[in-house]
Amino acid sequence: MKFTDWKVELEECNYVVTEDAVTNGRGDVLAGKDPYGGYYVNDSRIQDIISVKPNVVKKAVKKVKKASAKATELVMERARNKDGHYIADDPSTEVNEAWVVKTVKSKGKKDAS
């Protein structure tokens, strides 16, 4: 196993990735290869990322690239929980949790004739 298979995803979380190890910005080794050919992970976020097969990740990246190539627009919508109920804003934070930005395919112009 090479950690470079998940390099993009790990670097998005501010990890430094080499073929044999994953470190944080201070140089602490958070994941690496053991002498017996296995690997160890000391961070749950890294474990979540590498638990997904790299081919699945690559396919997902391709889908995102294809989707971004199509014409889309951003729309603000009310945030909902898993039951479909609206989520309230937490006034103690700067971010407004009650609204989310969603991408919607742009509809082409239709001729009236």
C-alpha atoms as a PDB file:
ATOM      1  CA  MET A   1       0.000   0.000   0.000  1.00  0.00           C
ATOM      2  CA  LYS A   2       1.216   3.456  -0.884  1.00  0.00           C
ATOM      3  CA  PHE A   3      -0.135   6.494   0.909  1.00  0.00           C
ATOM      4  CA  THR A   4       0.390   8.467  -2.305  1.00  0.00           C
ATOM      5  CA  ASP A   5      -2.724   6.725  -3.707  1.00  0.00           C
ATOM      6  CA  TRP A   6      -4.736   9.018  -1.391  1.00  0.00           C
ATOM      7  CA  LYS A   7      -2.398  12.017  -1.670  1.00  0.00           C
ATOM      8  CA  VAL A   8      -5.009  14.526  -2.902  1.00  0.00           C
ATOM      9  CA  GLU A   9      -7.506  13.707  -0.176  1.00  0.00           C
ATOM     10  CA  LEU A  10      -4.883  13.686   2.588  1.00  0.00           C
ATOM     11  CA  GLU A  11      -3.318  16.963   1.468  1.00  0.00           C
ATOM     12  CA  GLU A  12      -6.766  18.604   1.502  1.00  0.00           C
ATOM     13  CA  CYS A  13      -6.740  17.850   5.261  1.00  0.00           C
ATOM     14  CA  ASN A  14      -3.297  19.523   5.589  1.00  0.00           C
ATOM     15  CA  TYR A  15      -1.284  16.313   5.914  1.00  0.00           C
ATOM     16  CA  VAL A  16       2.152  15.842   4.332  1.00  0.00           C
ATOM     17  CA  VAL A  17       2.160  12.632   2.293  1.00  0.00           C
ATOM     18  CA  THR A  18       5.083  10.450   1.211  1.00  0.00           C
ATOM     19  CA  GLU A  19       4.980   6.940  -0.152  1.00  0.00           C
ATOM     20  CA  ASP A  20       5.691   5.391   3.255  1.00  0.00           C
ATOM     21  CA  ALA A  21       4.253   7.869   5.790  1.00  0.00           C
ATOM     22  CA  VAL A  22       1.730  10.594   6.521  1.00  0.00           C
ATOM     23  CA  THR A  23       2.780  13.457   8.787  1.00  0.00           C
ATOM     24  CA  ASN A  24       1.237  16.659  10.033  1.00  0.00           C
ATOM     25  CA  GLY A  25       2.747  20.106   9.480  1.00  0.00           C
ATOM     26  CA  ARG A  26       4.975  19.779  12.551  1.00  0.00           C
ATOM     27  CA  GLY A  27       6.468  16.505  11.311  1.00  0.00           C
ATOM     28  CA  ASP A  28       4.667  14.130  13.677  1.00  0.00           C
ATOM     29  CA  VAL A  29       4.186  10.752  11.957  1.00  0.00           C
ATOM     30  CA  LEU A  30       0.476   9.944  12.029  1.00  0.00           C
ATOM     31  CA  ALA A  31       0.493   6.917   9.727  1.00  0.00           C
ATOM     32  CA  GLY A  32       3.196   4.727   8.268  1.00  0.00           C
ATOM     33  CA  LYS A  33       4.344   1.296   7.197  1.00  0.00           C
ATOM     34  CA  ASP A  34       5.435  -1.234   9.777  1.00  0.00           C
ATOM     35  CA  PRO A  35       8.395  -3.581   9.185  1.00  0.00           C
ATOM     36  CA  TYR A  36       6.076  -6.523   8.438  1.00  0.00           C
ATOM     37  CA  GLY A  37       4.401  -4.967   5.399  1.00  0.00           C
ATOM     38  CA  GLY A  38       1.308  -3.684   7.156  1.00  0.00           C
ATOM     39  CA  TYR A  39       0.551  -0.131   8.182  1.00  0.00           C
ATOM     40  CA  TYR A  40      -0.428   1.751  11.307  1.00  0.00           C
ATOM     41  CA  VAL A  41      -2.626   4.819  11.681  1.00  0.00           C
ATOM     42  CA  ASN A  42      -2.765   7.135  14.700  1.00  0.00           C
ATOM     43  CA  ASP A  43      -5.419   9.535  13.351  1.00  0.00           C
ATOM     44  CA  SER A  44      -9.060   8.624  12.722  1.00  0.00           C
ATOM     45  CA  ARG A  45      -9.405  11.070   9.806  1.00  0.00           C
ATOM     46  CA  ILE A  46      -6.548   9.351   7.994  1.00  0.00           C
ATOM     47  CA  GLN A  47      -8.130   5.951   8.676  1.00  0.00           C
ATOM     48  CA  ASP A  48     -11.428   7.164   7.209  1.00  0.00           C
ATOM     49  CA  ILE A  49      -9.697   8.410   4.063  1.00  0.00           C
ATOM     50  CA  ILE A  50      -7.574   5.319   3.416  1.00  0.00           C
ATOM     51  CA  SER A  51     -10.451   2.937   4.188  1.00  0.00           C
ATOM     52  CA  VAL A  52     -11.927   3.950   0.815  1.00  0.00           C
ATOM     53  CA  LYS A  53     -10.353   2.154  -2.113  1.00  0.00           C
ATOM     54  CA  PRO A  54      -8.175   4.482  -4.212  1.00  0.00           C
ATOM     55  CA  ASN A  55      -9.977   3.436  -7.416  1.00  0.00           C
ATOM     56  CA  VAL A  56     -13.272   4.582  -5.912  1.00  0.00           C
ATOM     57  CA  VAL A  57     -11.674   7.907  -5.011  1.00  0.00           C
ATOM     58  CA  LYS A  58     -10.277   8.329  -8.528  1.00  0.00           C
ATOM     59  CA  LYS A  59     -13.677   7.550 -10.051  1.00  0.00           C
ATOM     60  CA  ALA A  60     -15.317  10.099  -7.748  1.00  0.00           C
ATOM     61  CA  VAL A  61     -12.755  12.727  -8.789  1.00  0.00           C
ATOM     62  CA  LYS A  62     -13.497  11.986 -12.455  1.00  0.00           C
ATOM     63  CA  LYS A  63     -17.241  12.384 -11.812  1.00  0.00           C
ATOM     64  CA  VAL A  64     -16.648  15.715 -10.095  1.00  0.00           C
ATOM     65  CA  LYS A  65     -14.526  16.903 -13.004  1.00  0.00           C
ATOM     66  CA  LYS A  66     -17.230  15.866 -15.480  1.00  0.00           C
ATOM     67  CA  ALA A  67     -19.900  17.576 -13.402  1.00  0.00           C
ATOM     68  CA  SER A  68     -17.862  20.764 -13.139  1.00  0.00           C
ATOM     69  CA  ALA A  69     -17.385  20.781 -16.906  1.00  0.00           C
ATOM     70  CA  LYS A  70     -21.151  21.015 -17.361  1.00  0.00           C
ATOM     71  CA  ALA A  71     -22.835  24.372 -16.929  1.00  0.00           C
ATOM     72  CA  THR A  72     -23.897  24.823 -13.302  1.00  0.00           C
ATOM     73  CA  GLU A  73     -24.972  27.635 -11.051  1.00  0.00           C
ATOM     74  CA  LEU A  74     -24.924  28.101  -7.275  1.00  0.00           C
ATOM     75  CA  VAL A  75     -28.212  28.387  -5.398  1.00  0.00           C
ATOM     76  CA  MET A  76     -28.819  29.131  -1.706  1.00  0.00           C
ATOM     77  CA  GLU A  77     -31.229  26.669  -0.080  1.00  0.00           C
ATOM     78  CA  ARG A  78     -32.417  26.086   3.455  1.00  0.00           C
ATOM     79  CA  ALA A  79     -30.430  23.385   5.206  1.00  0.00           C
ATOM     80  CA  ARG A  80     -32.323  20.275   6.245  1.00  0.00           C
ATOM     81  CA  ASN A  81     -31.537  17.395   8.581  1.00  0.00           C
ATOM     82  CA  LYS A  82     -31.921  13.724   7.641  1.00  0.00           C
ATOM     83  CA  ASP A  83     -35.650  13.844   8.480  1.00  0.00           C
ATOM     84  CA  GLY A  84     -36.224  16.776   6.128  1.00  0.00           C
ATOM     85  CA  HIS A  85     -36.770  19.363   8.849  1.00  0.00           C
ATOM     86  CA  TYR A  86     -35.145  22.791   8.616  1.00  0.00           C
ATOM     87  CA  ILE A  87     -31.905  23.346  10.536  1.00  0.00           C
ATOM     88  CA  ALA A  88     -31.785  26.478  12.692  1.00  0.00           C
ATOM     89  CA  ASP A  89     -28.888  28.931  12.698  1.00  0.00           C
ATOM     90  CA  ASP A  90     -26.529  28.871  15.679  1.00  0.00           C
ATOM     91  CA  PRO A  91     -26.166  32.569  16.630  1.00  0.00           C
ATOM     92  CA  SER A  92     -22.891  31.930  18.490  1.00  0.00           C
ATOM     93  CA  THR A  93     -21.032  31.227  15.200  1.00  0.00           C
ATOM     94  CA  GLU A  94     -20.204  33.446  12.238  1.00  0.00           C
ATOM     95  CA  VAL A  95     -21.427  30.892   9.700  1.00  0.00           C
ATOM     96  CA  ASN A  96     -25.139  30.725   9.006  1.00  0.00           C
ATOM     97  CA  GLU A  97     -25.926  27.008   9.345  1.00  0.00           C
ATOM     98  CA  ALA A  98     -29.541  27.528   8.249  1.00  0.00           C
ATOM     99  CA  TRP A  99     -28.522  28.010   4.615  1.00  0.00           C
ATOM    100  CA  VAL A 100     -26.371  25.884   2.313  1.00  0.00           C
ATOM    101  CA  VAL A 101     -25.019  26.476  -1.178  1.00  0.00           C
ATOM    102  CA  LYS A 102     -26.024  23.866  -3.733  1.00  0.00           C
ATOM    103  CA  THR A 103     -24.968  23.512  -7.340  1.00  0.00           C
ATOM    104  CA  VAL A 104     -27.745  23.189  -9.864  1.00  0.00           C
ATOM    105  CA  LYS A 105     -27.468  22.397 -13.538  1.00  0.00           C
ATOM    106  CA  SER A 106     -28.154  25.476 -15.621  1.00  0.00           C
ATOM    107  CA  LYS A 107     -31.046  25.020 -17.949  1.00  0.00           C
ATOM    108  CA  GLY A 108     -30.392  25.967 -21.506  1.00  0.00           C
ATOM    109  CA  LYS A 109     -32.434  28.675 -23.138  1.00  0.00           C
ATOM    110  CA  LYS A 110     -35.528  27.310 -24.844  1.00  0.00           C
ATOM    111  CA  ASP A 111     -36.909  28.872 -27.979  1.00  0.00           C
ATOM    112  CA  ALA A 112     -40.475  30.149 -27.687  1.00  0.00           C
ATOM    113  CA  SER A 113     -41.269  29.185 -31.281  1.00  0.00           C
END
